Amino acid sequence: MLLSIADWWQHLGNFEKVLWGIALVFSSLYLLQSVLSISGGDADHTGGDADSDVNHDDGIDHQFFTIKNMIAFFTMFGWVGIASHYSGMSKITTILLGLAAGTILVLMMMFILKNMSKLRHNGAMQMQNAINKTGTTYLFIPAKRGGVGKVHIKVQGTLHELPAITDDETEIATGKLIRVKNIINDRILLVTVADNSLF
């Protein structure tokens, strides 16, 4: 089998050897990269650790020139180049098609990574998500912002005990159903009795 592969290689033209060399080498690197990525050993040190930072959601821009993108680019370039060449296209057309295919693949990967990072869930509670939610008073809340009480309220699927004040004319007793109207200073809930609220 090795002899047949060597014989096949010897009969290739120089241009074909370049295309096959690029396709085979970078396909091997792509497979190795995929295995390392699955096993957790993936790292990309080009372009300021761009891919690594993206995976950890550090807010870095999705860069074009990274090791991952280079491997993907030349893998696509090689195979599209081979297909174009054996379809009878000229060398210039083959090269241009390979470059276009590689660039499109990298842009698609960047687009997917960018949108995946947007979909990532931030587990930290966002106080704004409590607005219009209902809960119950845990510690009574003095009337007309006369003091701070506490409420139990479910935000982002988790029950929280949060400080609360009210603009209501009367205090809100413990155990009363309340609705969150607003957030004060990003940390205190402005609430009202839910029975008096319009939903």
C-alpha atoms as a PDB file:
ATOM      1  CA  MET A   1       0.000   0.000   0.000  1.00  0.00           C
ATOM      2  CA  LEU A   2       2.850   2.359   0.839  1.00  0.00           C
ATOM      3  CA  LEU A   3       4.361   1.642  -2.564  1.00  0.00           C
ATOM      4  CA  SER A   4       1.092   2.480  -4.303  1.00  0.00           C
ATOM      5  CA  ILE A   5       0.818   5.769  -2.369  1.00  0.00           C
ATOM      6  CA  ALA A   6       4.419   6.637  -3.228  1.00  0.00           C
ATOM      7  CA  ASP A   7       3.792   5.785  -6.859  1.00  0.00           C
ATOM      8  CA  TRP A   8       0.649   7.937  -6.883  1.00  0.00           C
ATOM      9  CA  TRP A   9       2.568  10.824  -5.344  1.00  0.00           C
ATOM     10  CA  GLN A  10       5.394  10.565  -7.892  1.00  0.00           C
ATOM     11  CA  HIS A  11       2.950  10.878 -10.757  1.00  0.00           C
ATOM     12  CA  LEU A  12       1.430  14.111  -9.445  1.00  0.00           C
ATOM     13  CA  GLY A  13       2.395  17.445 -10.941  1.00  0.00           C
ATOM     14  CA  ASN A  14       4.010  20.093  -8.739  1.00  0.00           C
ATOM     15  CA  PHE A  15       0.806  22.116  -8.476  1.00  0.00           C
ATOM     16  CA  GLU A  16      -1.165  19.009  -7.468  1.00  0.00           C
ATOM     17  CA  LYS A  17       1.471  18.118  -4.877  1.00  0.00           C
ATOM     18  CA  VAL A  18       1.144  21.559  -3.314  1.00  0.00           C
ATOM     19  CA  LEU A  19      -2.648  21.280  -3.158  1.00  0.00           C
ATOM     20  CA  TRP A  20      -2.591  17.747  -1.753  1.00  0.00           C
ATOM     21  CA  GLY A  21       0.144  18.673   0.703  1.00  0.00           C
ATOM     22  CA  ILE A  22      -1.858  21.626   2.035  1.00  0.00           C
ATOM     23  CA  ALA A  23      -5.075  19.598   2.220  1.00  0.00           C
ATOM     24  CA  LEU A  24      -3.539  16.589   3.983  1.00  0.00           C
ATOM     25  CA  VAL A  25      -1.300  18.468   6.413  1.00  0.00           C
ATOM     26  CA  PHE A  26      -3.931  20.947   7.529  1.00  0.00           C
ATOM     27  CA  SER A  27      -6.679  18.317   7.642  1.00  0.00           C
ATOM     28  CA  SER A  28      -4.482  16.327  10.029  1.00  0.00           C
ATOM     29  CA  LEU A  29      -3.924  19.435  12.140  1.00  0.00           C
ATOM     30  CA  TYR A  30      -7.665  20.120  12.105  1.00  0.00           C
ATOM     31  CA  LEU A  31      -8.428  16.608  13.351  1.00  0.00           C
ATOM     32  CA  LEU A  32      -5.753  16.924  16.052  1.00  0.00           C
ATOM     33  CA  GLN A  33      -7.148  20.302  17.068  1.00  0.00           C
ATOM     34  CA  SER A  34     -10.662  18.824  17.300  1.00  0.00           C
ATOM     35  CA  VAL A  35      -9.452  15.955  19.498  1.00  0.00           C
ATOM     36  CA  LEU A  36      -7.592  18.378  21.788  1.00  0.00           C
ATOM     37  CA  SER A  37     -10.632  20.634  21.943  1.00  0.00           C
ATOM     38  CA  ILE A  38     -12.882  17.753  23.010  1.00  0.00           C
ATOM     39  CA  SER A  39     -10.350  16.584  25.610  1.00  0.00           C
ATOM     40  CA  GLY A  40      -9.951  20.112  26.992  1.00  0.00           C
ATOM     41  CA  GLY A  41      -6.361  20.598  25.884  1.00  0.00           C
ATOM     42  CA  ASP A  42      -7.077  23.159  23.189  1.00  0.00           C
ATOM     43  CA  ALA A  43      -5.152  26.438  23.240  1.00  0.00           C
ATOM     44  CA  ASP A  44      -4.631  29.117  20.640  1.00  0.00           C
ATOM     45  CA  HIS A  45      -1.709  31.430  21.291  1.00  0.00           C
ATOM     46  CA  THR A  46      -1.820  33.497  18.122  1.00  0.00           C
ATOM     47  CA  GLY A  47      -3.396  36.950  18.098  1.00  0.00           C
ATOM     48  CA  GLY A  48      -3.223  37.468  21.856  1.00  0.00           C
ATOM     49  CA  ASP A  49      -4.893  34.183  22.870  1.00  0.00           C
ATOM     50  CA  ALA A  50      -7.989  35.294  20.995  1.00  0.00           C
ATOM     51  CA  ASP A  51      -9.791  31.969  20.803  1.00  0.00           C
ATOM     52  CA  SER A  52      -8.914  31.058  24.379  1.00  0.00           C
ATOM     53  CA  ASP A  53     -10.258  34.373  25.623  1.00  0.00           C
ATOM     54  CA  VAL A  54     -13.411  33.996  23.568  1.00  0.00           C
ATOM     55  CA  ASN A  55     -14.033  30.572  25.091  1.00  0.00           C
ATOM     56  CA  HIS A  56     -13.763  32.107  28.570  1.00  0.00           C
ATOM     57  CA  ASP A  57     -15.981  35.044  27.648  1.00  0.00           C
ATOM     58  CA  ASP A  58     -13.415  37.720  28.509  1.00  0.00           C
ATOM     59  CA  GLY A  59     -14.977  40.099  26.027  1.00  0.00           C
ATOM     60  CA  ILE A  60     -12.184  40.096  23.442  1.00  0.00           C
ATOM     61  CA  ASP A  61     -13.076  40.726  19.816  1.00  0.00           C
ATOM     62  CA  HIS A  62     -13.270  37.702  17.536  1.00  0.00           C
ATOM     63  CA  GLN A  63     -10.019  37.986  15.585  1.00  0.00           C
ATOM     64  CA  PHE A  64      -9.387  36.738  12.062  1.00  0.00           C
ATOM     65  CA  PHE A  65      -5.716  35.737  12.384  1.00  0.00           C
ATOM     66  CA  THR A  66      -5.587  32.902  14.902  1.00  0.00           C
ATOM     67  CA  ILE A  67      -4.123  29.406  14.730  1.00  0.00           C
ATOM     68  CA  LYS A  68      -7.582  27.823  14.636  1.00  0.00           C
ATOM     69  CA  ASN A  69      -8.689  30.065  11.795  1.00  0.00           C
ATOM     70  CA  MET A  70      -5.456  29.485   9.873  1.00  0.00           C
ATOM     71  CA  ILE A  71      -5.870  25.697  10.101  1.00  0.00           C
ATOM     72  CA  ALA A  72      -9.505  25.920   9.007  1.00  0.00           C
ATOM     73  CA  PHE A  73      -8.608  28.321   6.174  1.00  0.00           C
ATOM     74  CA  PHE A  74      -5.899  26.125   4.655  1.00  0.00           C
ATOM     75  CA  THR A  75      -7.916  22.937   5.142  1.00  0.00           C
ATOM     76  CA  MET A  76     -10.746  24.410   3.090  1.00  0.00           C
ATOM     77  CA  PHE A  77      -8.305  26.007   0.631  1.00  0.00           C
ATOM     78  CA  GLY A  78      -6.628  22.664  -0.020  1.00  0.00           C
ATOM     79  CA  TRP A  79      -9.753  20.595  -0.611  1.00  0.00           C
ATOM     80  CA  VAL A  80     -11.570  23.224  -2.682  1.00  0.00           C
ATOM     81  CA  GLY A  81      -8.356  23.698  -4.655  1.00  0.00           C
ATOM     82  CA  ILE A  82      -8.132  19.967  -5.372  1.00  0.00           C
ATOM     83  CA  ALA A  83     -11.798  19.808  -6.418  1.00  0.00           C
ATOM     84  CA  SER A  84     -11.404  22.842  -8.672  1.00  0.00           C
ATOM     85  CA  HIS A  85      -8.201  21.563 -10.241  1.00  0.00           C
ATOM     86  CA  TYR A  86      -9.651  18.157 -11.046  1.00  0.00           C
ATOM     87  CA  SER A  87     -12.731  19.874 -12.461  1.00  0.00           C
ATOM     88  CA  GLY A  88     -10.478  21.273 -15.175  1.00  0.00           C
ATOM     89  CA  MET A  89     -10.218  24.854 -13.934  1.00  0.00           C
ATOM     90  CA  SER A  90      -7.102  26.933 -14.458  1.00  0.00           C
ATOM     91  CA  LYS A  91      -4.502  27.364 -11.728  1.00  0.00           C
ATOM     92  CA  ILE A  92      -5.481  30.992 -11.144  1.00  0.00           C
ATOM     93  CA  THR A  93      -9.173  30.100 -10.836  1.00  0.00           C
ATOM     94  CA  THR A  94      -8.300  27.185  -8.552  1.00  0.00           C
ATOM     95  CA  ILE A  95      -6.271  29.446  -6.256  1.00  0.00           C
ATOM     96  CA  LEU A  96      -8.944  32.156  -6.207  1.00  0.00           C
ATOM     97  CA  LEU A  97     -11.700  29.664  -5.395  1.00  0.00           C
ATOM     98  CA  GLY A  98      -9.584  28.133  -2.651  1.00  0.00           C
ATOM     99  CA  LEU A  99      -8.891  31.557  -1.131  1.00  0.00           C
ATOM    100  CA  ALA A 100     -12.567  32.514  -1.310  1.00  0.00           C
ATOM    101  CA  ALA A 101     -13.704  29.230   0.274  1.00  0.00           C
ATOM    102  CA  GLY A 102     -11.148  29.501   3.082  1.00  0.00           C
ATOM    103  CA  THR A 103     -12.109  33.096   3.823  1.00  0.00           C
ATOM    104  CA  ILE A 104     -15.842  32.293   3.838  1.00  0.00           C
ATOM    105  CA  LEU A 105     -15.281  29.387   6.253  1.00  0.00           C
ATOM    106  CA  VAL A 106     -13.286  31.564   8.682  1.00  0.00           C
ATOM    107  CA  LEU A 107     -15.910  34.322   8.548  1.00  0.00           C
ATOM    108  CA  MET A 108     -18.638  31.751   9.243  1.00  0.00           C
ATOM    109  CA  MET A 109     -16.683  30.413  12.224  1.00  0.00           C
ATOM    110  CA  MET A 110     -16.243  33.944  13.593  1.00  0.00           C
ATOM    111  CA  PHE A 111     -19.952  34.657  13.145  1.00  0.00           C
ATOM    112  CA  ILE A 112     -20.927  31.445  14.955  1.00  0.00           C
ATOM    113  CA  LEU A 113     -18.507  32.100  17.835  1.00  0.00           C
ATOM    114  CA  LYS A 114     -19.753  35.663  18.191  1.00  0.00           C
ATOM    115  CA  ASN A 115     -23.382  34.564  18.382  1.00  0.00           C
ATOM    116  CA  MET A 116     -22.590  31.684  20.723  1.00  0.00           C
ATOM    117  CA  SER A 117     -20.910  34.096  23.135  1.00  0.00           C
ATOM    118  CA  LYS A 118     -24.049  36.257  23.099  1.00  0.00           C
ATOM    119  CA  LEU A 119     -26.161  33.246  24.042  1.00  0.00           C
ATOM    120  CA  ARG A 120     -24.069  32.403  27.057  1.00  0.00           C
ATOM    121  CA  HIS A 121     -26.030  32.636  30.282  1.00  0.00           C
ATOM    122  CA  ASN A 122     -24.723  34.946  32.966  1.00  0.00           C
ATOM    123  CA  GLY A 123     -25.529  33.295  36.289  1.00  0.00           C
ATOM    124  CA  ALA A 124     -25.158  36.525  38.296  1.00  0.00           C
ATOM    125  CA  MET A 125     -28.510  37.969  39.322  1.00  0.00           C
ATOM    126  CA  GLN A 126     -29.532  41.102  37.423  1.00  0.00           C
ATOM    127  CA  MET A 127     -31.673  43.316  39.646  1.00  0.00           C
ATOM    128  CA  GLN A 128     -33.540  44.751  36.638  1.00  0.00           C
ATOM    129  CA  ASN A 129     -35.008  41.288  36.045  1.00  0.00           C
ATOM    130  CA  ALA A 130     -37.027  41.674  39.257  1.00  0.00           C
ATOM    131  CA  ILE A 131     -39.181  44.502  37.846  1.00  0.00           C
ATOM    132  CA  ASN A 132     -42.869  43.474  37.605  1.00  0.00           C
ATOM    133  CA  LYS A 133     -42.156  40.235  39.467  1.00  0.00           C
ATOM    134  CA  THR A 134     -44.264  39.341  42.497  1.00  0.00           C
ATOM    135  CA  GLY A 135     -43.098  38.099  45.864  1.00  0.00           C
ATOM    136  CA  THR A 136     -43.947  38.209  49.574  1.00  0.00           C
ATOM    137  CA  THR A 137     -42.862  40.499  52.372  1.00  0.00           C
ATOM    138  CA  TYR A 138     -40.371  38.890  54.762  1.00  0.00           C
ATOM    139  CA  LEU A 139     -39.795  41.917  57.029  1.00  0.00           C
ATOM    140  CA  PHE A 140     -42.498  44.601  57.076  1.00  0.00           C
ATOM    141  CA  ILE A 141     -41.865  47.629  54.818  1.00  0.00           C
ATOM    142  CA  PRO A 142     -42.551  51.090  56.351  1.00  0.00           C
ATOM    143  CA  ALA A 143     -44.905  53.414  54.432  1.00  0.00           C
ATOM    144  CA  LYS A 144     -43.744  56.236  52.128  1.00  0.00           C
ATOM    145  CA  ARG A 145     -40.080  55.188  52.076  1.00  0.00           C
ATOM    146  CA  GLY A 146     -39.876  55.480  55.843  1.00  0.00           C
ATOM    147  CA  GLY A 147     -37.500  52.548  56.101  1.00  0.00           C
ATOM    148  CA  VAL A 148     -36.233  49.403  54.421  1.00  0.00           C
ATOM    149  CA  GLY A 149     -37.903  46.031  54.752  1.00  0.00           C
ATOM    150  CA  LYS A 150     -37.195  42.731  53.051  1.00  0.00           C
ATOM    151  CA  VAL A 151     -39.021  40.573  50.535  1.00  0.00           C
ATOM    152  CA  HIS A 152     -38.732  37.050  49.205  1.00  0.00           C
ATOM    153  CA  ILE A 153     -38.882  37.069  45.420  1.00  0.00           C
ATOM    154  CA  LYS A 154     -37.982  34.642  42.645  1.00  0.00           C
ATOM    155  CA  VAL A 155     -35.597  36.154  40.075  1.00  0.00           C
ATOM    156  CA  GLN A 156     -33.949  34.199  37.232  1.00  0.00           C
ATOM    157  CA  GLY A 157     -35.379  30.979  38.629  1.00  0.00           C
ATOM    158  CA  THR A 158     -33.911  31.420  42.132  1.00  0.00           C
ATOM    159  CA  LEU A 159     -35.568  32.634  45.331  1.00  0.00           C
ATOM    160  CA  HIS A 160     -33.840  35.715  46.785  1.00  0.00           C
ATOM    161  CA  GLU A 161     -34.193  37.748  49.972  1.00  0.00           C
ATOM    162  CA  LEU A 162     -33.850  41.396  48.931  1.00  0.00           C
ATOM    163  CA  PRO A 163     -34.194  44.822  50.579  1.00  0.00           C
ATOM    164  CA  ALA A 164     -37.299  46.770  49.633  1.00  0.00           C
ATOM    165  CA  ILE A 165     -39.024  50.126  50.173  1.00  0.00           C
ATOM    166  CA  THR A 166     -42.458  51.378  49.160  1.00  0.00           C
ATOM    167  CA  ASP A 167     -44.275  54.570  48.182  1.00  0.00           C
ATOM    168  CA  ASP A 168     -47.565  53.155  49.526  1.00  0.00           C
ATOM    169  CA  GLU A 169     -49.454  55.254  52.071  1.00  0.00           C
ATOM    170  CA  THR A 170     -49.509  52.405  54.579  1.00  0.00           C
ATOM    171  CA  GLU A 171     -46.837  49.926  55.625  1.00  0.00           C
ATOM    172  CA  ILE A 172     -46.739  46.545  53.959  1.00  0.00           C
ATOM    173  CA  ALA A 173     -47.056  43.831  56.586  1.00  0.00           C
ATOM    174  CA  THR A 174     -45.077  40.607  56.688  1.00  0.00           C
ATOM    175  CA  GLY A 175     -46.487  37.922  54.397  1.00  0.00           C
ATOM    176  CA  LYS A 176     -48.197  40.366  52.026  1.00  0.00           C
ATOM    177  CA  LEU A 177     -48.053  39.771  48.280  1.00  0.00           C
ATOM    178  CA  ILE A 178     -46.049  42.527  46.593  1.00  0.00           C
ATOM    179  CA  ARG A 179     -45.067  43.570  43.078  1.00  0.00           C
ATOM    180  CA  VAL A 180     -41.762  45.219  42.130  1.00  0.00           C
ATOM    181  CA  LYS A 181     -42.240  48.621  40.460  1.00  0.00           C
ATOM    182  CA  ASN A 182     -38.640  49.729  40.082  1.00  0.00           C
ATOM    183  CA  ILE A 183     -35.051  49.403  41.341  1.00  0.00           C
ATOM    184  CA  ILE A 184     -33.521  52.101  43.541  1.00  0.00           C
ATOM    185  CA  ASN A 185     -29.750  52.634  43.437  1.00  0.00           C
ATOM    186  CA  ASP A 186     -29.367  49.274  41.675  1.00  0.00           C
ATOM    187  CA  ARG A 187     -29.830  47.386  44.955  1.00  0.00           C
ATOM    188  CA  ILE A 188     -33.184  48.191  46.606  1.00  0.00           C
ATOM    189  CA  LEU A 189     -36.563  47.129  45.258  1.00  0.00           C
ATOM    190  CA  LEU A 190     -39.369  49.676  45.056  1.00  0.00           C
ATOM    191  CA  VAL A 191     -42.509  47.641  45.689  1.00  0.00           C
ATOM    192  CA  THR A 192     -46.258  48.010  46.121  1.00  0.00           C
ATOM    193  CA  VAL A 193     -48.992  45.736  47.423  1.00  0.00           C
ATOM    194  CA  ALA A 194     -49.858  43.389  44.554  1.00  0.00           C
ATOM    195  CA  ASP A 195     -53.567  43.492  45.396  1.00  0.00           C
ATOM    196  CA  ASN A 196     -53.598  47.167  44.392  1.00  0.00           C
ATOM    197  CA  SER A 197     -51.649  46.622  41.176  1.00  0.00           C
ATOM    198  CA  LEU A 198     -52.870  46.360  37.636  1.00  0.00           C
ATOM    199  CA  PHE A 199     -51.259  43.457  35.772  1.00  0.00           C
END
